[in-house]
N, C-alpha and C. Protein backbone atom coordinates (compact mmCIF):
# COMPACT_ATOMS: atom_id res chain seq x y z
N MET A 1 186.81 69.87 60.11
CA MET A 1 187.32 69.47 58.35
C MET A 1 185.86 69.23 57.74
N ARG A 2 186.49 69.80 56.59
CA ARG A 2 185.12 69.39 55.01
C ARG A 2 185.24 68.20 54.61
N GLU A 3 184.65 67.39 54.40
CA GLU A 3 184.45 66.26 53.33
C GLU A 3 184.32 66.84 52.11
N LYS A 4 185.15 65.58 51.34
CA LYS A 4 184.73 66.11 49.92
C LYS A 4 183.81 65.28 49.59
N PRO A 5 183.14 65.76 48.51
CA PRO A 5 182.07 65.04 47.93
C PRO A 5 182.65 63.94 47.32
N HIS A 6 181.42 62.60 47.32
CA HIS A 6 181.54 61.46 46.63
C HIS A 6 181.56 61.78 45.24
N PRO A 7 182.55 61.00 44.41
CA PRO A 7 182.74 61.41 43.02
C PRO A 7 181.85 60.77 42.15
N ALA A 8 180.73 60.20 42.72
CA ALA A 8 179.35 59.94 41.74
C ALA A 8 178.51 61.18 42.14
N GLN A 9 178.82 61.69 43.07
CA GLN A 9 177.32 62.99 42.94
C GLN A 9 178.49 64.05 42.82
N PRO A 10 177.39 65.21 42.38
CA PRO A 10 177.91 66.46 41.81
C PRO A 10 178.00 67.44 43.18
N SER A 11 178.61 68.13 43.43
CA SER A 11 179.04 68.83 44.06
C SER A 11 178.35 70.46 44.40
N SER A 12 177.74 71.08 43.48
CA SER A 12 177.17 72.23 43.98
C SER A 12 175.61 71.75 43.40
N LEU A 13 174.54 72.72 43.54
CA LEU A 13 173.05 72.75 43.27
C LEU A 13 173.03 72.64 41.76
N ALA A 14 173.87 73.36 41.02
CA ALA A 14 173.97 73.84 39.70
C ALA A 14 174.22 72.35 39.02
N GLU A 15 175.26 71.72 39.14
CA GLU A 15 175.56 70.30 38.89
C GLU A 15 174.49 69.42 38.88
N GLN A 16 173.88 69.51 40.21
CA GLN A 16 172.63 68.48 40.54
C GLN A 16 171.33 68.72 39.36
N VAL A 17 171.22 69.88 39.17
CA VAL A 17 170.14 70.11 38.52
C VAL A 17 170.43 69.81 36.98
N GLY A 18 171.72 69.93 36.94
CA GLY A 18 172.21 70.02 35.34
C GLY A 18 172.18 68.13 34.79
N VAL A 19 172.75 66.93 35.81
CA VAL A 19 172.45 66.08 35.67
C VAL A 19 171.01 65.61 35.60
N LYS A 20 170.43 65.83 36.81
CA LYS A 20 169.04 65.49 36.55
C LYS A 20 168.32 66.02 35.06
N ALA A 21 168.18 67.24 34.63
CA ALA A 21 167.79 67.69 33.71
C ALA A 21 168.36 66.78 32.02
N ALA A 22 169.83 66.28 32.36
CA ALA A 22 170.36 65.65 31.14
C ALA A 22 169.70 63.96 31.21
N ARG A 23 169.44 63.66 32.22
CA ARG A 23 168.69 62.45 32.59
C ARG A 23 167.23 62.09 32.25
N LYS A 24 166.77 63.68 32.23
CA LYS A 24 165.48 63.55 31.92
C LYS A 24 165.02 63.77 30.36
N LEU A 25 166.30 64.74 29.68
CA LEU A 25 166.12 64.62 28.24
C LEU A 25 166.53 63.29 27.68
N LYS A 26 167.34 62.50 28.16
CA LYS A 26 167.77 61.18 27.67
C LYS A 26 166.72 60.33 27.98
N ALA A 27 165.87 60.66 29.00
CA ALA A 27 164.44 59.44 28.97
C ALA A 27 163.40 60.38 28.03
N GLN A 28 163.35 60.74 27.77
CA GLN A 28 162.35 61.72 26.59
C GLN A 28 162.76 61.20 25.02
N ARG A 29 163.82 61.18 24.87
CA ARG A 29 164.58 61.02 23.43
C ARG A 29 164.68 59.11 23.55
N ASN A 30 164.86 58.47 24.36
CA ASN A 30 164.72 56.93 24.48
C ASN A 30 163.13 56.17 24.90
N ALA A 31 162.24 57.43 24.61
CA ALA A 31 160.88 56.83 25.14
C ALA A 31 160.43 55.85 24.41
N THR A 32 160.16 54.96 24.80
CA THR A 32 159.36 53.49 24.05
C THR A 32 157.95 54.00 23.23
N PRO A 33 158.14 54.17 22.23
CA PRO A 33 156.67 54.18 21.07
C PRO A 33 155.48 53.32 21.78
N GLY A 34 154.43 54.13 21.70
CA GLY A 34 153.14 53.40 21.86
C GLY A 34 152.32 52.69 20.84
N VAL A 35 151.44 52.24 20.99
CA VAL A 35 150.52 51.66 20.17
C VAL A 35 150.23 52.43 19.33
N TRP A 36 149.70 53.68 19.59
CA TRP A 36 149.08 54.68 18.41
C TRP A 36 150.38 54.75 17.31
N PHE A 37 151.57 55.12 17.80
CA PHE A 37 152.34 55.20 17.13
C PHE A 37 152.75 54.20 16.24
N GLY A 38 152.82 52.96 16.45
CA GLY A 38 152.66 51.57 15.45
C GLY A 38 151.84 51.74 14.66
N LEU A 39 150.47 52.14 15.11
CA LEU A 39 149.12 52.03 14.28
C LEU A 39 149.71 52.94 12.85
N GLY A 40 149.95 54.17 13.67
CA GLY A 40 150.22 55.64 12.38
C GLY A 40 151.53 55.02 11.94
N LEU A 41 152.51 54.54 12.08
CA LEU A 41 153.45 54.06 11.21
C LEU A 41 152.57 52.73 10.20
N MET A 42 152.00 52.00 10.60
CA MET A 42 151.53 51.09 9.54
C MET A 42 150.28 51.67 8.74
N GLY A 43 149.96 52.65 8.93
CA GLY A 43 149.05 53.40 8.18
C GLY A 43 149.94 54.40 7.17
N VAL A 44 151.05 54.78 7.71
CA VAL A 44 152.05 55.71 6.81
C VAL A 44 152.31 54.64 5.60
N ILE A 45 152.91 53.38 6.18
CA ILE A 45 153.54 52.47 5.24
C ILE A 45 152.60 51.67 4.13
N GLY A 46 151.25 51.67 4.76
CA GLY A 46 149.91 51.43 3.91
C GLY A 46 149.76 52.34 2.59
N TRP A 47 149.56 53.34 3.21
CA TRP A 47 149.46 54.71 2.01
C TRP A 47 150.47 54.51 1.19
N SER A 48 151.51 54.68 1.43
CA SER A 48 152.70 54.49 0.49
C SER A 48 152.65 53.70 -0.52
N VAL A 49 151.88 52.41 -0.08
CA VAL A 49 151.83 51.35 -1.32
C VAL A 49 150.17 51.40 -2.18
N VAL A 50 149.17 52.21 -1.23
CA VAL A 50 148.02 51.82 -1.86
C VAL A 50 147.87 52.91 -2.96
N VAL A 51 148.52 54.31 -2.68
CA VAL A 51 148.11 55.55 -3.52
C VAL A 51 148.87 55.20 -4.62
N PRO A 52 150.44 54.48 -5.01
CA PRO A 52 150.56 54.34 -6.06
C PRO A 52 149.91 53.24 -6.94
N THR A 53 149.30 52.16 -6.20
CA THR A 53 148.91 51.38 -6.81
C THR A 53 147.71 51.83 -7.65
N LEU A 54 146.70 52.35 -6.58
CA LEU A 54 145.69 53.19 -7.39
C LEU A 54 145.69 53.88 -8.47
N LEU A 55 146.58 55.02 -8.17
CA LEU A 55 147.02 55.79 -9.53
C LEU A 55 147.49 55.26 -10.47
N GLY A 56 148.11 54.03 -10.40
CA GLY A 56 148.63 53.19 -11.87
C GLY A 56 147.47 52.50 -12.21
N ALA A 57 146.41 51.94 -11.36
CA ALA A 57 145.11 51.30 -12.14
C ALA A 57 143.79 52.59 -12.50
N ALA A 58 144.06 53.35 -12.00
CA ALA A 58 143.33 54.43 -12.71
C ALA A 58 143.89 55.04 -14.29
N LEU A 59 145.26 55.06 -13.91
CA LEU A 59 145.63 55.34 -15.21
C LEU A 59 145.71 54.38 -16.54
N GLY A 60 145.41 53.45 -16.14
CA GLY A 60 145.44 51.97 -16.93
C GLY A 60 143.95 51.97 -17.28
N LEU A 61 142.89 51.96 -16.27
CA LEU A 61 141.81 52.43 -17.10
C LEU A 61 141.29 53.44 -17.95
N TRP A 62 142.19 54.78 -17.72
CA TRP A 62 141.80 55.73 -18.50
C TRP A 62 142.39 55.02 -20.01
N LEU A 63 143.95 54.38 -20.02
CA LEU A 63 144.22 54.44 -21.29
C LEU A 63 143.84 53.39 -22.17
N ASP A 64 142.97 52.26 -21.44
CA ASP A 64 142.48 51.28 -21.78
C ASP A 64 141.10 51.75 -22.66
N ARG A 65 140.23 52.90 -21.87
CA ARG A 65 139.00 53.71 -22.56
C ARG A 65 139.78 54.18 -23.72
N HIS A 66 140.59 54.81 -24.05
CA HIS A 66 141.13 56.06 -24.85
C HIS A 66 141.75 55.38 -25.69
N TYR A 67 142.60 54.28 -25.68
CA TYR A 67 143.18 53.53 -26.57
C TYR A 67 143.26 52.13 -26.11
N PRO A 68 142.18 51.72 -26.95
CA PRO A 68 141.78 50.19 -26.82
C PRO A 68 143.22 49.40 -27.71
N GLY A 69 143.47 48.45 -27.23
CA GLY A 69 144.45 47.37 -28.11
C GLY A 69 144.36 46.15 -27.48
N GLY A 70 145.17 45.45 -28.19
CA GLY A 70 145.49 44.07 -27.47
C GLY A 70 146.08 44.05 -25.94
N ARG A 71 146.62 45.21 -25.28
CA ARG A 71 147.73 44.96 -24.44
C ARG A 71 146.33 45.52 -22.91
N SER A 72 146.33 44.98 -21.73
CA SER A 72 145.91 45.36 -20.95
C SER A 72 146.58 46.65 -20.06
N TRP A 73 146.49 48.04 -20.37
CA TRP A 73 146.71 48.70 -19.69
C TRP A 73 146.63 48.74 -18.04
N THR A 74 145.82 48.49 -17.83
CA THR A 74 144.80 48.58 -16.35
C THR A 74 145.69 47.44 -15.35
N LEU A 75 145.96 46.34 -16.07
CA LEU A 75 146.88 45.15 -15.48
C LEU A 75 148.28 45.36 -15.07
N ALA A 76 148.94 46.26 -16.38
CA ALA A 76 150.50 46.72 -16.26
C ALA A 76 150.54 47.62 -15.47
N LEU A 77 149.91 48.98 -15.40
CA LEU A 77 150.15 49.83 -14.60
C LEU A 77 149.66 49.71 -13.28
N LEU A 78 148.82 48.88 -13.00
CA LEU A 78 148.47 48.42 -11.57
C LEU A 78 149.79 47.52 -10.97
N VAL A 79 150.40 46.91 -11.82
CA VAL A 79 151.29 45.94 -11.42
C VAL A 79 152.60 47.00 -10.91
N ALA A 80 152.86 48.04 -12.13
CA ALA A 80 153.97 48.78 -12.02
C ALA A 80 153.86 49.75 -10.73
N GLY A 81 152.51 49.89 -10.38
CA GLY A 81 152.02 50.88 -9.10
C GLY A 81 152.81 50.33 -7.90
N LEU A 82 152.07 48.83 -7.87
CA LEU A 82 152.25 48.02 -6.71
C LEU A 82 153.80 48.05 -6.53
N THR A 83 154.31 48.06 -7.50
CA THR A 83 156.04 47.52 -7.18
C THR A 83 156.80 49.08 -6.84
N LEU A 84 156.12 50.07 -7.49
CA LEU A 84 156.65 51.06 -7.10
C LEU A 84 156.16 51.82 -5.42
N GLY A 85 155.24 51.36 -5.05
CA GLY A 85 154.62 51.38 -4.02
C GLY A 85 155.53 50.82 -2.87
N CYS A 86 155.75 49.45 -3.22
CA CYS A 86 156.32 48.40 -2.52
C CYS A 86 158.16 48.92 -2.29
N PHE A 87 158.59 49.55 -3.23
CA PHE A 87 160.15 50.28 -3.14
C PHE A 87 159.79 51.40 -2.20
N ASN A 88 158.93 52.49 -2.61
CA ASN A 88 158.50 53.44 -2.05
C ASN A 88 158.66 53.20 -0.07
N ALA A 89 157.33 52.03 0.05
CA ALA A 89 157.77 51.37 1.36
C ALA A 89 158.76 51.16 1.94
N TRP A 90 159.69 50.30 1.28
CA TRP A 90 161.29 49.70 1.72
C TRP A 90 162.09 50.70 2.12
N HIS A 91 162.06 51.66 0.89
CA HIS A 91 162.94 52.72 1.01
C HIS A 91 162.57 53.70 2.45
N TRP A 92 161.26 54.10 2.79
CA TRP A 92 160.99 54.43 4.06
C TRP A 92 160.84 53.85 5.05
N VAL A 93 161.12 52.45 5.15
CA VAL A 93 161.26 51.67 6.32
C VAL A 93 162.70 51.83 6.76
N SER A 94 163.54 51.47 5.62
CA SER A 94 164.99 51.47 5.72
C SER A 94 165.48 52.46 6.30
N LYS A 95 164.80 54.18 5.94
CA LYS A 95 165.58 55.12 6.42
C LYS A 95 164.76 55.50 7.66
N GLU A 96 163.69 55.17 7.91
CA GLU A 96 163.36 55.21 9.63
C GLU A 96 164.43 54.48 10.40
N ASP A 97 164.67 52.98 10.03
CA ASP A 97 165.33 52.52 10.96
C ASP A 97 166.46 52.55 10.91
N GLN A 98 167.48 53.36 10.00
CA GLN A 98 168.76 53.82 9.73
C GLN A 98 168.73 55.14 10.76
N ALA A 99 167.61 55.99 11.05
CA ALA A 99 167.84 57.13 11.87
C ALA A 99 167.67 56.57 12.91
N MET A 100 166.79 55.64 13.35
CA MET A 100 166.68 55.11 14.87
C MET A 100 167.98 54.42 15.15
N ARG A 101 168.86 53.57 14.30
CA ARG A 101 170.16 53.30 14.50
C ARG A 101 170.96 54.24 15.29
N GLU A 102 171.34 55.14 14.64
CA GLU A 102 171.86 56.49 14.79
C GLU A 102 171.35 57.13 16.13
N GLU A 103 170.07 57.03 16.25
CA GLU A 103 169.62 57.60 17.70
C GLU A 103 170.18 56.91 18.91
N ARG A 104 170.03 55.92 18.84
CA ARG A 104 170.13 54.81 19.71
C ARG A 104 171.62 54.88 19.81
N GLU A 105 172.49 54.95 18.87
CA GLU A 105 174.21 55.28 19.12
C GLU A 105 174.59 56.42 19.77
N ASN A 106 173.83 57.17 19.38
CA ASN A 106 174.25 58.47 19.86
C ASN A 106 173.65 58.85 21.26
N GLY A 107 172.37 58.01 21.48
CA GLY A 107 172.36 58.14 23.00
C GLY A 107 173.13 57.29 23.79
N HIS A 108 173.84 56.35 23.67
CA HIS A 108 174.71 55.69 24.40
C HIS A 108 176.01 56.12 24.48
N GLU A 109 176.62 57.26 23.97
CA GLU A 109 177.90 57.41 24.02
C GLU A 109 178.00 58.67 25.18
């Protein structure tokens, strides 16, 4: 008499391979990011703040040289660039956070 396979174990070789492949894909998707990933992320966020700030300062310097007046375009555009850069970084980080949450939710289903 032939015994029935345990419900938790796949019965055929194809099912066993499929289960192992699915487990491997899930492990690859849920791999914890390393140190280099964190450093790269900090670099991207840093550059997303620095570039608009420097561009604002450069434009302000150019305006101050060509259109001198009572206002400091350099200071005003430096602050505007910094504000724009911070908003850009916040938006990017919140988008990445949302993507990670969706991936985590889809991985647990």
